[in-house]
Amino acid sequence: MVALATSRSVWFVPIGTEVIHGTLRTMFLASKVGDVRARQIGVFTGSLLTLGTACLFIRWIGAQTARVLAGIGVIWVILTVAFEVSFGRIVLGSSWTRIRADHVPRQGGLLPLGLAARANSPLIAARIRHALRPERTGSLEQAGERH
């Protein structure tokens, strides 16, 4: 439970980084390649930023099993979608059509890829940083522990 609570706190770091990343993308990249292409590029660079942040904080989070790390990834995705929609609507004044377009690949939106990367970042970071312990689920392993 501590790992899940800590991971929610850590989530503020990559989302803050994403806000800065989005601002810089809009200021410098969108004028050169267009808004849609800049957003598409931003999905990949933002995913790398999220993975980098996860690598920096994964030991501090304290999760060591794939199951808990997957749960953290799901929490990060839920928090991110809630933030993106709220920030887009309230701060940026984006329409529902505009927000939806970022999530629909047929309309050029690649955010589902970014969300998948975010969901897997804690597990990938744990593997990179060698912070993952094998889970014990087999009956033979459990029987061996009793002796």
N, C-alpha and C. Protein backbone atom coordinates (compact mmCIF):
# COMPACT_ATOMS: atom_id res chain seq x y z
N MET A 1 0.82 -1.20 0.00
CA MET A 1 0.00 0.00 0.00
C MET A 1 0.86 1.26 0.00
N VAL A 2 1.99 1.23 0.69
CA VAL A 2 2.87 2.39 0.72
C VAL A 2 3.37 2.71 -0.69
N ALA A 3 3.71 1.66 -1.46
CA ALA A 3 4.19 1.86 -2.82
C ALA A 3 3.13 2.55 -3.68
N LEU A 4 1.87 2.18 -3.52
CA LEU A 4 0.82 2.81 -4.30
C LEU A 4 0.63 4.28 -3.93
N ALA A 5 0.69 4.58 -2.63
CA ALA A 5 0.57 5.97 -2.19
C ALA A 5 1.76 6.79 -2.67
N THR A 6 2.95 6.24 -2.57
CA THR A 6 4.15 6.93 -3.03
C THR A 6 4.09 7.16 -4.53
N SER A 7 3.59 6.17 -5.27
CA SER A 7 3.53 6.30 -6.72
C SER A 7 2.59 7.41 -7.15
N ARG A 8 1.53 7.64 -6.39
CA ARG A 8 0.63 8.75 -6.71
C ARG A 8 1.35 10.08 -6.53
N SER A 9 2.20 10.18 -5.52
CA SER A 9 2.98 11.39 -5.33
C SER A 9 4.00 11.58 -6.45
N VAL A 10 4.65 10.50 -6.82
CA VAL A 10 5.64 10.56 -7.90
C VAL A 10 4.99 10.95 -9.21
N TRP A 11 3.74 10.57 -9.44
CA TRP A 11 3.03 10.90 -10.68
C TRP A 11 3.07 12.39 -11.00
N PHE A 12 3.13 13.25 -9.98
CA PHE A 12 3.16 14.69 -10.22
C PHE A 12 4.43 15.12 -10.96
N VAL A 13 5.51 14.37 -10.81
CA VAL A 13 6.76 14.73 -11.50
C VAL A 13 6.63 14.55 -13.01
N PRO A 14 6.24 13.36 -13.51
CA PRO A 14 6.12 13.26 -14.96
C PRO A 14 5.00 14.13 -15.54
N ILE A 15 3.93 14.36 -14.80
CA ILE A 15 2.86 15.19 -15.36
C ILE A 15 3.31 16.64 -15.41
N GLY A 16 4.08 17.08 -14.42
CA GLY A 16 4.66 18.42 -14.48
C GLY A 16 5.64 18.55 -15.63
N THR A 17 6.44 17.52 -15.83
CA THR A 17 7.37 17.49 -16.95
C THR A 17 6.61 17.54 -18.27
N GLU A 18 5.48 16.83 -18.34
CA GLU A 18 4.66 16.82 -19.56
C GLU A 18 4.08 18.21 -19.85
N VAL A 19 3.70 18.94 -18.83
CA VAL A 19 3.17 20.30 -19.04
C VAL A 19 4.25 21.19 -19.65
N ILE A 20 5.44 21.12 -19.09
CA ILE A 20 6.57 21.90 -19.63
C ILE A 20 6.89 21.44 -21.05
N HIS A 21 6.92 20.13 -21.25
CA HIS A 21 7.19 19.54 -22.56
C HIS A 21 6.15 20.03 -23.58
N GLY A 22 4.88 20.03 -23.20
CA GLY A 22 3.82 20.48 -24.10
C GLY A 22 3.94 21.96 -24.44
N THR A 23 4.32 22.76 -23.45
CA THR A 23 4.51 24.19 -23.69
C THR A 23 5.65 24.44 -24.67
N LEU A 24 6.76 23.76 -24.43
CA LEU A 24 7.92 23.91 -25.34
C LEU A 24 7.60 23.38 -26.73
N ARG A 25 6.87 22.27 -26.80
CA ARG A 25 6.47 21.72 -28.10
C ARG A 25 5.64 22.72 -28.88
N THR A 26 4.69 23.34 -28.20
CA THR A 26 3.83 24.32 -28.86
C THR A 26 4.62 25.55 -29.30
N MET A 27 5.52 26.00 -28.45
CA MET A 27 6.29 27.20 -28.76
C MET A 27 7.30 27.00 -29.89
N PHE A 28 7.96 25.85 -29.93
CA PHE A 28 9.08 25.69 -30.85
C PHE A 28 8.85 24.70 -31.99
N LEU A 29 8.16 23.62 -31.74
CA LEU A 29 8.05 22.57 -32.74
C LEU A 29 6.82 22.73 -33.64
N ALA A 30 5.69 23.12 -33.08
CA ALA A 30 4.45 23.20 -33.84
C ALA A 30 4.56 24.15 -35.03
N SER A 31 5.26 25.24 -34.85
CA SER A 31 5.39 26.20 -35.96
C SER A 31 6.24 25.66 -37.11
N LYS A 32 7.08 24.68 -36.83
CA LYS A 32 7.95 24.11 -37.85
C LYS A 32 7.33 22.90 -38.57
N VAL A 33 6.59 22.07 -37.84
CA VAL A 33 6.06 20.83 -38.43
C VAL A 33 4.53 20.77 -38.43
N GLY A 34 3.87 21.73 -37.83
CA GLY A 34 2.41 21.72 -37.72
C GLY A 34 1.98 21.14 -36.39
N ASP A 35 0.78 21.52 -35.98
CA ASP A 35 0.28 21.13 -34.66
C ASP A 35 0.10 19.61 -34.51
N VAL A 36 -0.55 18.99 -35.50
CA VAL A 36 -0.81 17.55 -35.38
C VAL A 36 0.49 16.76 -35.34
N ARG A 37 1.41 17.06 -36.25
CA ARG A 37 2.70 16.35 -36.28
C ARG A 37 3.48 16.61 -34.99
N ALA A 38 3.44 17.83 -34.48
CA ALA A 38 4.14 18.14 -33.23
C ALA A 38 3.57 17.31 -32.07
N ARG A 39 2.25 17.16 -32.05
CA ARG A 39 1.61 16.34 -31.01
C ARG A 39 2.01 14.88 -31.15
N GLN A 40 2.10 14.40 -32.39
CA GLN A 40 2.51 13.02 -32.61
C GLN A 40 3.94 12.79 -32.15
N ILE A 41 4.83 13.70 -32.49
CA ILE A 41 6.22 13.61 -32.02
C ILE A 41 6.26 13.68 -30.50
N GLY A 42 5.43 14.55 -29.95
CA GLY A 42 5.38 14.73 -28.50
C GLY A 42 4.98 13.48 -27.74
N VAL A 43 4.18 12.62 -28.35
CA VAL A 43 3.80 11.37 -27.69
C VAL A 43 5.05 10.53 -27.41
N PHE A 44 5.95 10.47 -28.39
CA PHE A 44 7.15 9.65 -28.23
C PHE A 44 8.16 10.30 -27.29
N THR A 45 8.39 11.60 -27.43
CA THR A 45 9.33 12.25 -26.52
C THR A 45 8.77 12.30 -25.10
N GLY A 46 7.47 12.50 -24.98
CA GLY A 46 6.83 12.49 -23.65
C GLY A 46 6.92 11.12 -23.00
N SER A 47 6.78 10.06 -23.80
CA SER A 47 6.90 8.71 -23.26
C SER A 47 8.31 8.45 -22.73
N LEU A 48 9.30 8.96 -23.44
CA LEU A 48 10.68 8.82 -22.96
C LEU A 48 10.90 9.61 -21.67
N LEU A 49 10.29 10.79 -21.58
CA LEU A 49 10.40 11.57 -20.34
C LEU A 49 9.75 10.83 -19.17
N THR A 50 8.60 10.23 -19.42
CA THR A 50 7.92 9.46 -18.37
C THR A 50 8.76 8.27 -17.93
N LEU A 51 9.32 7.55 -18.89
CA LEU A 51 10.17 6.41 -18.55
C LEU A 51 11.40 6.87 -17.77
N GLY A 52 12.00 7.97 -18.18
CA GLY A 52 13.15 8.51 -17.45
C GLY A 52 12.80 8.87 -16.01
N THR A 53 11.65 9.49 -15.83
CA THR A 53 11.19 9.83 -14.48
C THR A 53 10.95 8.57 -13.67
N ALA A 54 10.32 7.58 -14.28
CA ALA A 54 10.07 6.32 -13.58
C ALA A 54 11.39 5.67 -13.16
N CYS A 55 12.38 5.71 -14.03
CA CYS A 55 13.69 5.14 -13.70
C CYS A 55 14.32 5.86 -12.51
N LEU A 56 14.15 7.17 -12.46
CA LEU A 56 14.73 7.94 -11.34
C LEU A 56 14.07 7.61 -10.01
N PHE A 57 12.76 7.36 -10.02
CA PHE A 57 12.02 7.22 -8.78
C PHE A 57 11.59 5.80 -8.43
N ILE A 58 11.85 4.83 -9.27
CA ILE A 58 11.29 3.50 -9.06
C ILE A 58 11.74 2.86 -7.75
N ARG A 59 12.97 3.04 -7.35
CA ARG A 59 13.42 2.47 -6.07
C ARG A 59 12.76 3.17 -4.89
N TRP A 60 12.55 4.47 -5.01
CA TRP A 60 11.90 5.23 -3.94
C TRP A 60 10.44 4.82 -3.79
N ILE A 61 9.79 4.50 -4.91
CA ILE A 61 8.40 4.04 -4.86
C ILE A 61 8.31 2.77 -4.04
N GLY A 62 9.27 1.88 -4.20
CA GLY A 62 9.35 0.69 -3.36
C GLY A 62 8.59 -0.53 -3.85
N ALA A 63 7.93 -0.44 -4.98
CA ALA A 63 7.22 -1.61 -5.52
C ALA A 63 8.23 -2.57 -6.11
N GLN A 64 8.04 -3.87 -5.86
CA GLN A 64 9.03 -4.83 -6.32
C GLN A 64 8.45 -6.00 -7.09
N THR A 65 7.13 -6.07 -7.23
CA THR A 65 6.55 -7.17 -7.98
C THR A 65 5.85 -6.63 -9.23
N ALA A 66 5.79 -7.46 -10.24
CA ALA A 66 5.16 -7.05 -11.50
C ALA A 66 3.70 -6.65 -11.28
N ARG A 67 3.02 -7.35 -10.41
CA ARG A 67 1.61 -7.05 -10.15
C ARG A 67 1.43 -5.64 -9.57
N VAL A 68 2.23 -5.29 -8.60
CA VAL A 68 2.12 -3.95 -8.00
C VAL A 68 2.55 -2.89 -9.01
N LEU A 69 3.61 -3.16 -9.76
CA LEU A 69 4.08 -2.20 -10.76
C LEU A 69 3.03 -1.99 -11.86
N ALA A 70 2.33 -3.05 -12.25
CA ALA A 70 1.25 -2.92 -13.23
C ALA A 70 0.12 -2.07 -12.65
N GLY A 71 -0.18 -2.28 -11.38
CA GLY A 71 -1.20 -1.47 -10.72
C GLY A 71 -0.82 0.00 -10.69
N ILE A 72 0.44 0.28 -10.44
CA ILE A 72 0.92 1.66 -10.45
C ILE A 72 0.76 2.25 -11.85
N GLY A 73 1.09 1.47 -12.86
CA GLY A 73 0.92 1.94 -14.24
C GLY A 73 -0.52 2.30 -14.54
N VAL A 74 -1.45 1.48 -14.08
CA VAL A 74 -2.87 1.75 -14.29
C VAL A 74 -3.28 3.03 -13.56
N ILE A 75 -2.81 3.19 -12.34
CA ILE A 75 -3.11 4.41 -11.58
C ILE A 75 -2.58 5.63 -12.32
N TRP A 76 -1.35 5.55 -12.83
CA TRP A 76 -0.77 6.67 -13.56
C TRP A 76 -1.59 7.00 -14.80
N VAL A 77 -2.10 6.01 -15.50
CA VAL A 77 -2.92 6.26 -16.70
C VAL A 77 -4.23 6.94 -16.30
N ILE A 78 -4.89 6.45 -15.27
CA ILE A 78 -6.16 7.05 -14.83
C ILE A 78 -5.95 8.50 -14.42
N LEU A 79 -4.92 8.75 -13.61
CA LEU A 79 -4.63 10.12 -13.19
C LEU A 79 -4.29 11.01 -14.38
N THR A 80 -3.55 10.46 -15.34
CA THR A 80 -3.14 11.23 -16.51
C THR A 80 -4.34 11.60 -17.38
N VAL A 81 -5.22 10.65 -17.65
CA VAL A 81 -6.40 10.95 -18.47
C VAL A 81 -7.27 11.99 -17.77
N ALA A 82 -7.47 11.83 -16.47
CA ALA A 82 -8.27 12.81 -15.71
C ALA A 82 -7.62 14.19 -15.79
N PHE A 83 -6.29 14.24 -15.66
CA PHE A 83 -5.59 15.51 -15.74
C PHE A 83 -5.69 16.11 -17.14
N GLU A 84 -5.44 15.30 -18.16
CA GLU A 84 -5.46 15.80 -19.54
C GLU A 84 -6.82 16.39 -19.90
N VAL A 85 -7.87 15.67 -19.55
CA VAL A 85 -9.21 16.15 -19.87
C VAL A 85 -9.52 17.43 -19.09
N SER A 86 -9.24 17.43 -17.80
CA SER A 86 -9.50 18.61 -16.97
C SER A 86 -8.67 19.81 -17.42
N PHE A 87 -7.39 19.59 -17.62
CA PHE A 87 -6.50 20.68 -18.04
C PHE A 87 -6.91 21.19 -19.42
N GLY A 88 -7.21 20.26 -20.32
CA GLY A 88 -7.62 20.67 -21.66
C GLY A 88 -8.90 21.49 -21.66
N ARG A 89 -9.88 21.04 -20.92
CA ARG A 89 -11.17 21.74 -20.89
C ARG A 89 -11.11 23.04 -20.10
N ILE A 90 -10.54 22.99 -18.89
CA ILE A 90 -10.60 24.14 -17.99
C ILE A 90 -9.52 25.18 -18.30
N VAL A 91 -8.29 24.74 -18.45
CA VAL A 91 -7.18 25.69 -18.63
C VAL A 91 -7.03 26.12 -20.09
N LEU A 92 -7.03 25.15 -21.00
CA LEU A 92 -6.79 25.46 -22.41
C LEU A 92 -8.07 25.78 -23.18
N GLY A 93 -9.23 25.44 -22.61
CA GLY A 93 -10.50 25.69 -23.28
C GLY A 93 -10.72 24.82 -24.51
N SER A 94 -10.12 23.64 -24.53
CA SER A 94 -10.24 22.73 -25.67
C SER A 94 -11.65 22.14 -25.73
N SER A 95 -12.13 21.93 -26.95
CA SER A 95 -13.44 21.31 -27.13
C SER A 95 -13.32 19.80 -26.90
N TRP A 96 -14.47 19.15 -26.70
CA TRP A 96 -14.48 17.70 -26.56
C TRP A 96 -13.98 17.05 -27.85
N THR A 97 -14.30 17.64 -28.98
CA THR A 97 -13.85 17.12 -30.27
C THR A 97 -12.34 17.15 -30.35
N ARG A 98 -11.75 18.24 -29.90
CA ARG A 98 -10.28 18.38 -29.92
C ARG A 98 -9.62 17.36 -28.99
N ILE A 99 -10.16 17.19 -27.81
CA ILE A 99 -9.60 16.23 -26.84
C ILE A 99 -9.73 14.81 -27.39
N ARG A 100 -10.89 14.51 -27.96
CA ARG A 100 -11.12 13.18 -28.53
C ARG A 100 -10.15 12.90 -29.67
N ALA A 101 -9.87 13.89 -30.49
CA ALA A 101 -8.98 13.70 -31.65
C ALA A 101 -7.59 13.21 -31.23
N ASP A 102 -7.11 13.65 -30.08
CA ASP A 102 -5.79 13.20 -29.59
C ASP A 102 -5.79 11.72 -29.23
N HIS A 103 -6.97 11.15 -29.01
CA HIS A 103 -7.07 9.76 -28.59
C HIS A 103 -7.53 8.81 -29.70
N VAL A 104 -7.78 9.35 -30.90
CA VAL A 104 -8.29 8.53 -32.00
C VAL A 104 -7.22 8.44 -33.10
N PRO A 105 -6.62 7.28 -33.26
CA PRO A 105 -5.56 7.12 -34.27
C PRO A 105 -6.00 7.49 -35.69
N ARG A 106 -7.25 7.23 -36.05
CA ARG A 106 -7.73 7.58 -37.40
C ARG A 106 -7.72 9.08 -37.64
N GLN A 107 -7.70 9.85 -36.57
CA GLN A 107 -7.65 11.30 -36.68
C GLN A 107 -6.24 11.82 -36.40
N GLY A 108 -5.27 10.92 -36.39
CA GLY A 108 -3.89 11.31 -36.17
C GLY A 108 -3.45 11.29 -34.71
N GLY A 109 -4.36 11.01 -33.80
CA GLY A 109 -4.04 11.00 -32.38
C GLY A 109 -3.27 9.75 -31.98
N LEU A 110 -2.16 9.96 -31.32
CA LEU A 110 -1.33 8.84 -30.88
C LEU A 110 -1.28 8.69 -29.36
N LEU A 111 -2.14 9.42 -28.66
CA LEU A 111 -2.11 9.33 -27.20
C LEU A 111 -2.35 7.93 -26.64
N PRO A 112 -3.12 7.07 -27.31
CA PRO A 112 -3.22 5.70 -26.77
C PRO A 112 -1.85 5.02 -26.67
N LEU A 113 -0.96 5.31 -27.60
CA LEU A 113 0.41 4.76 -27.50
C LEU A 113 1.14 5.35 -26.30
N GLY A 114 0.97 6.64 -26.09
CA GLY A 114 1.59 7.29 -24.94
C GLY A 114 1.06 6.77 -23.62
N LEU A 115 -0.25 6.51 -23.58
CA LEU A 115 -0.84 5.96 -22.35
C LEU A 115 -0.38 4.54 -22.11
N ALA A 116 -0.22 3.77 -23.18
CA ALA A 116 0.31 2.41 -23.03
C ALA A 116 1.74 2.46 -22.51
N ALA A 117 2.52 3.40 -23.02
CA ALA A 117 3.90 3.56 -22.54
C ALA A 117 3.90 3.96 -21.06
N ARG A 118 3.00 4.86 -20.70
CA ARG A 118 2.91 5.30 -19.30
C ARG A 118 2.52 4.14 -18.40
N ALA A 119 1.58 3.32 -18.85
CA ALA A 119 1.13 2.18 -18.05
C ALA A 119 2.27 1.20 -17.80
N ASN A 120 3.15 1.06 -18.76
CA ASN A 120 4.25 0.09 -18.65
C ASN A 120 5.54 0.68 -18.09
N SER A 121 5.61 1.98 -17.95
CA SER A 121 6.84 2.62 -17.48
C SER A 121 7.33 2.14 -16.11
N PRO A 122 6.45 1.96 -15.11
CA PRO A 122 6.96 1.47 -13.83
C PRO A 122 7.62 0.09 -13.94
N LEU A 123 7.01 -0.81 -14.69
CA LEU A 123 7.57 -2.15 -14.84
C LEU A 123 8.87 -2.12 -15.64
N ILE A 124 8.89 -1.36 -16.72
CA ILE A 124 10.12 -1.24 -17.53
C ILE A 124 11.23 -0.62 -16.69
N ALA A 125 10.90 0.43 -15.94
CA ALA A 125 11.90 1.09 -15.10
C ALA A 125 12.46 0.14 -14.06
N ALA A 126 11.59 -0.67 -13.46
CA ALA A 126 12.06 -1.64 -12.46
C ALA A 126 13.01 -2.65 -13.09
N ARG A 127 12.71 -3.05 -14.30
CA ARG A 127 13.61 -4.00 -14.98
C ARG A 127 14.93 -3.34 -15.33
N ILE A 128 14.88 -2.11 -15.79
CA ILE A 128 16.12 -1.38 -16.13
C ILE A 128 16.97 -1.19 -14.88
N ARG A 129 16.34 -0.83 -13.78
CA ARG A 129 17.06 -0.54 -12.53
C ARG A 129 17.25 -1.79 -11.67
N HIS A 130 16.88 -2.94 -12.16
CA HIS A 130 17.01 -4.22 -11.43
C HIS A 130 16.34 -4.15 -10.06
N ALA A 131 15.11 -3.63 -10.05
CA ALA A 131 14.37 -3.49 -8.80
C ALA A 131 13.15 -4.40 -8.76
N LEU A 132 13.15 -5.43 -9.59
CA LEU A 132 12.00 -6.31 -9.69
C LEU A 132 12.31 -7.65 -9.05
N ARG A 133 11.44 -8.10 -8.18
CA ARG A 133 11.58 -9.43 -7.56
C ARG A 133 10.57 -10.37 -8.18
N PRO A 134 10.94 -11.63 -8.36
CA PRO A 134 9.96 -12.60 -8.89
C PRO A 134 8.83 -12.81 -7.89
N GLU A 135 7.62 -12.97 -8.43
CA GLU A 135 6.48 -13.25 -7.57
C GLU A 135 6.40 -14.74 -7.29
N ARG A 136 6.00 -15.09 -6.11
CA ARG A 136 5.88 -16.50 -5.73
C ARG A 136 4.41 -16.87 -5.75
N THR A 137 4.05 -17.67 -6.74
CA THR A 137 2.65 -18.07 -6.84
C THR A 137 2.47 -19.58 -6.91
N GLY A 138 3.54 -20.31 -7.15
CA GLY A 138 3.43 -21.76 -7.31
C GLY A 138 3.25 -22.46 -5.97
N SER A 139 2.49 -23.55 -5.98
CA SER A 139 2.23 -24.28 -4.75
C SER A 139 3.50 -24.95 -4.21
N LEU A 140 4.40 -25.37 -5.09
CA LEU A 140 5.65 -25.99 -4.62
C LEU A 140 6.51 -24.97 -3.90
N GLU A 141 6.54 -23.73 -4.43
CA GLU A 141 7.33 -22.70 -3.76
C GLU A 141 6.74 -22.38 -2.39
N GLN A 142 5.41 -22.31 -2.31
CA GLN A 142 4.79 -22.01 -1.05
C GLN A 142 5.00 -23.14 -0.05
N ALA A 143 4.94 -24.38 -0.53
CA ALA A 143 5.17 -25.53 0.35
C ALA A 143 6.59 -25.52 0.86
N GLY A 144 7.54 -25.14 0.00
CA GLY A 144 8.94 -25.08 0.39
C GLY A 144 9.20 -24.04 1.45
N GLU A 145 8.42 -22.97 1.48
CA GLU A 145 8.61 -21.91 2.47
C GLU A 145 8.19 -22.35 3.85
N ARG A 146 7.27 -23.30 3.95
CA ARG A 146 6.76 -23.73 5.24
C ARG A 146 7.78 -24.56 6.01
N HIS A 147 8.70 -25.20 5.31
CA HIS A 147 9.65 -26.10 5.99
C HIS A 147 10.82 -25.39 6.54
